[in-house]
Amino acid sequence: MIDVARRLAATAPIASLALVSLSATAETQVRLQTNHGPIVIELFDEKAPATVDNFVAYVRDGFFDGTIFHRVIPGFVIQGGGFTEDFERKSTRAPVENEADNGLKNRRGTLSMARTSDPDSATSQFFINLEDNASLDQRPGNAGYAVFGRVVEGMDTVDAIAAIPTGAAGPFRQDAPRETVRIESAGVVEPGE
């Protein structure tokens, strides 16, 4: 009995180190609670550090709370993170440098930063790929769109949003959901949640 106790005591520090090591390499997760259901996102901290830091700063500031998914293109993407329910554009931070050369691909369920024709213009808007969208990947002659996360729970919610009929609304001539798709809250998932 004493030998068992000694062995357990001797291995406890190793087990603790293993747990510390696992938590240090775990990717950050964010939960988007929408009025259509939850979406949990795993962020690629190491592959897209500036983009992830930017996104998490918006999350921690409560920026996404009350914003909408304003663009829905079935078979392509759903996009949000920049407009209020009445289609007012929210004021954002300075843009981040495009990290599309990180080796990650725009595959179904991944998140990428939306931007203008300027590759380094991404601020708060992001999109979730509904299909594999190789045309959005970085390659010679194409700056690409920076993949920075992936949906790990809630693709059923994403697909339900993608099925909502679209049309003109606010400043958009097309692709705006005819039913409001609101992000009620966004928060970093704390370990153990």
Protein backbone atom coordinates (compact mmCIF):
# COMPACT_ATOMS: atom_id res chain seq x y z
CA MET A 1 0.00 0.00 0.00
CA ILE A 2 2.87 2.37 0.82
CA ASP A 3 4.54 1.63 -2.56
CA VAL A 4 1.34 2.60 -4.39
CA ALA A 5 1.11 5.86 -2.44
CA ARG A 6 4.76 6.66 -3.19
CA ARG A 7 4.33 5.93 -6.89
CA LEU A 8 1.25 8.13 -7.07
CA ALA A 9 3.05 10.92 -5.24
CA ALA A 10 6.07 10.58 -7.54
CA THR A 11 3.96 10.72 -10.72
CA ALA A 12 1.71 13.58 -9.60
CA PRO A 13 4.15 16.31 -10.73
CA ILE A 14 4.50 14.62 -14.13
CA ALA A 15 0.73 14.44 -14.51
CA SER A 16 0.47 18.11 -13.53
CA LEU A 17 3.07 19.04 -16.14
CA ALA A 18 1.16 17.10 -18.77
CA LEU A 19 -2.02 19.00 -17.94
CA VAL A 20 -0.19 22.34 -18.06
CA SER A 21 1.32 21.37 -21.40
CA LEU A 22 -2.07 20.41 -22.84
CA SER A 23 -3.71 23.64 -21.70
CA ALA A 24 -0.83 25.74 -23.03
CA THR A 25 -1.26 24.30 -26.52
CA ALA A 26 -5.06 24.24 -26.57
CA GLU A 27 -6.62 26.57 -29.12
CA THR A 28 -8.86 29.41 -27.99
CA GLN A 29 -12.58 28.80 -28.44
CA VAL A 30 -15.36 31.34 -28.87
CA ARG A 31 -19.09 30.74 -28.53
CA LEU A 32 -21.42 32.79 -30.72
CA GLN A 33 -24.94 32.58 -29.33
CA THR A 34 -27.26 33.47 -32.20
CA ASN A 35 -31.03 33.74 -32.24
CA HIS A 36 -30.91 30.57 -34.38
CA GLY A 37 -28.67 28.56 -32.03
CA PRO A 38 -25.07 28.36 -30.80
CA ILE A 39 -21.89 28.20 -32.88
CA VAL A 40 -18.61 27.25 -31.18
CA ILE A 41 -15.43 28.22 -32.97
CA GLU A 42 -11.90 26.96 -32.40
CA LEU A 43 -9.37 29.67 -33.28
CA PHE A 44 -5.99 28.92 -34.85
CA ASP A 45 -3.84 30.93 -32.43
CA GLU A 46 -0.51 29.78 -33.82
CA LYS A 47 -1.33 29.88 -37.55
CA ALA A 48 -3.09 33.27 -37.56
CA PRO A 49 -1.94 35.10 -34.40
CA ALA A 50 -2.68 38.70 -35.43
CA THR A 51 -6.09 37.77 -36.85
CA VAL A 52 -7.02 35.74 -33.76
CA ASP A 53 -5.86 38.54 -31.42
CA ASN A 54 -7.98 41.00 -33.41
CA PHE A 55 -11.06 38.75 -33.34
CA VAL A 56 -10.71 37.96 -29.62
CA ALA A 57 -10.33 41.69 -28.81
CA TYR A 58 -13.67 42.35 -30.54
CA VAL A 59 -15.23 39.42 -28.65
CA ARG A 60 -13.93 40.61 -25.25
CA ASP A 61 -15.15 44.17 -25.95
CA GLY A 62 -18.68 42.89 -26.64
CA PHE A 63 -18.47 44.29 -30.16
CA PHE A 64 -20.26 41.35 -31.81
CA ASP A 65 -23.18 41.35 -29.34
CA GLY A 66 -26.23 42.52 -31.29
CA THR A 67 -24.57 42.36 -34.72
CA ILE A 68 -26.09 40.34 -37.53
CA PHE A 69 -25.17 37.92 -40.24
CA HIS A 70 -25.95 40.33 -43.07
CA ARG A 71 -24.88 38.21 -46.04
CA VAL A 72 -26.02 34.67 -46.84
CA ILE A 73 -25.01 32.95 -50.06
CA PRO A 74 -26.08 29.28 -50.04
CA GLY A 75 -23.29 26.96 -51.14
CA PHE A 76 -20.71 29.68 -50.46
CA VAL A 77 -20.62 31.66 -47.16
CA ILE A 78 -22.52 33.36 -44.37
CA GLN A 79 -20.98 36.69 -43.34
CA GLY A 80 -21.38 38.85 -40.25
CA GLY A 81 -19.66 40.95 -37.65
CA GLY A 82 -20.05 44.48 -38.93
CA PHE A 83 -23.68 45.64 -38.91
CA THR A 84 -26.38 46.15 -36.31
CA GLU A 85 -29.90 44.83 -36.73
CA ASP A 86 -30.96 48.08 -38.42
CA PHE A 87 -28.02 47.77 -40.87
CA GLU A 88 -25.91 50.46 -39.27
CA ARG A 89 -22.20 49.84 -39.87
CA LYS A 90 -20.30 49.64 -36.58
CA SER A 91 -17.12 51.62 -36.05
CA THR A 92 -14.07 49.33 -36.02
CA ARG A 93 -10.42 49.23 -35.04
CA ALA A 94 -7.59 49.61 -37.53
CA PRO A 95 -7.32 46.79 -40.10
CA VAL A 96 -5.07 43.78 -39.59
CA GLU A 97 -2.44 42.44 -41.94
CA ASN A 98 -3.68 39.61 -44.16
CA GLU A 99 -2.46 36.24 -42.83
CA ALA A 100 -3.84 34.17 -45.72
CA ASP A 101 -0.36 32.75 -46.40
CA ASN A 102 -0.60 30.60 -43.23
CA GLY A 103 -1.19 27.34 -45.10
CA LEU A 104 -4.83 27.04 -43.99
CA LYS A 105 -7.50 26.51 -46.63
CA ASN A 106 -11.04 27.88 -46.96
CA ARG A 107 -12.80 24.58 -46.32
CA ARG A 108 -16.36 23.95 -45.18
CA GLY A 109 -16.77 25.12 -41.60
CA THR A 110 -13.70 27.36 -41.50
CA LEU A 111 -13.83 31.05 -40.62
CA SER A 112 -12.02 33.69 -42.61
CA MET A 113 -11.75 37.44 -42.44
CA ALA A 114 -13.84 39.48 -44.86
CA ARG A 115 -12.05 42.37 -46.52
CA THR A 116 -12.16 44.79 -49.44
CA SER A 117 -9.96 44.48 -52.53
CA ASP A 118 -7.10 45.69 -50.31
CA PRO A 119 -5.65 42.46 -48.82
CA ASP A 120 -4.79 44.24 -45.55
CA SER A 121 -8.22 45.79 -44.94
CA ALA A 122 -9.91 43.21 -42.66
CA THR A 123 -11.39 44.63 -39.44
CA SER A 124 -14.33 42.91 -37.71
CA GLN A 125 -16.29 41.17 -40.45
CA PHE A 126 -15.81 37.44 -40.90
CA PHE A 127 -17.43 34.66 -42.86
CA ILE A 128 -18.04 30.95 -42.38
CA ASN A 129 -17.44 28.79 -45.44
CA LEU A 130 -20.41 26.63 -46.34
CA GLU A 131 -18.39 24.57 -48.84
CA ASP A 132 -14.74 24.13 -49.75
CA ASN A 133 -13.92 27.47 -51.40
CA ALA A 134 -10.49 27.03 -53.00
CA SER A 135 -10.97 30.26 -54.98
CA LEU A 136 -10.59 32.16 -51.67
CA ASP A 137 -7.23 30.56 -50.80
CA GLN A 138 -3.94 32.42 -51.09
CA ARG A 139 -1.84 31.51 -54.14
CA PRO A 140 0.40 33.38 -56.60
CA GLY A 141 -1.59 36.30 -57.98
CA ASN A 142 -4.34 35.94 -55.34
CA ALA A 143 -3.84 37.42 -51.85
CA GLY A 144 -6.57 35.16 -50.49
CA TYR A 145 -8.72 35.40 -47.37
CA ALA A 146 -7.17 34.59 -44.00
CA VAL A 147 -8.53 31.43 -42.40
CA PHE A 148 -8.32 31.83 -38.61
CA GLY A 149 -10.72 29.30 -37.12
CA ARG A 150 -13.21 26.52 -37.63
CA VAL A 151 -16.64 25.60 -36.34
CA VAL A 152 -16.36 22.73 -33.85
CA GLU A 153 -20.01 22.78 -32.71
CA GLY A 154 -23.05 24.23 -34.40
CA MET A 155 -22.67 23.55 -38.13
CA ASP A 156 -26.36 22.67 -37.96
CA THR A 157 -26.95 26.30 -36.88
CA VAL A 158 -24.73 27.55 -39.71
CA ASP A 159 -26.62 25.41 -42.23
CA ALA A 160 -29.98 26.61 -40.87
CA ILE A 161 -28.83 30.23 -41.35
CA ALA A 162 -27.68 29.37 -44.89
CA ALA A 163 -31.20 28.09 -45.69
CA ILE A 164 -32.93 31.39 -44.85
CA PRO A 165 -34.38 33.11 -47.93
CA THR A 166 -32.51 36.27 -48.95
CA GLY A 167 -33.18 39.51 -50.81
CA ALA A 168 -32.54 43.23 -50.56
CA ALA A 169 -32.25 44.89 -47.14
CA GLY A 170 -30.43 47.91 -45.76
CA PRO A 171 -27.61 48.88 -48.13
CA PHE A 172 -27.59 45.43 -49.78
CA ARG A 173 -29.32 44.76 -53.10
CA GLN A 174 -29.22 41.01 -52.54
CA ASP A 175 -28.05 38.22 -50.21
CA ALA A 176 -29.43 39.79 -47.00
CA PRO A 177 -31.44 37.28 -44.94
CA ARG A 178 -35.17 38.12 -44.96
CA GLU A 179 -35.23 36.99 -41.33
CA THR A 180 -32.88 38.65 -38.84
CA VAL A 181 -29.91 36.47 -37.85
CA ARG A 182 -28.55 38.16 -34.74
CA ILE A 183 -25.49 37.35 -32.66
CA GLU A 184 -26.99 37.69 -29.18
CA SER A 185 -23.61 37.31 -27.49
CA ALA A 186 -20.05 36.28 -28.19
CA GLY A 187 -17.65 35.07 -25.53
CA VAL A 188 -14.39 33.23 -25.05
CA VAL A 189 -15.06 29.71 -23.78
CA GLU A 190 -13.21 29.30 -20.51
CA PRO A 191 -11.54 25.94 -19.76
CA GLY A 192 -14.02 23.47 -18.30
CA GLU A 193 -17.10 25.14 -19.77
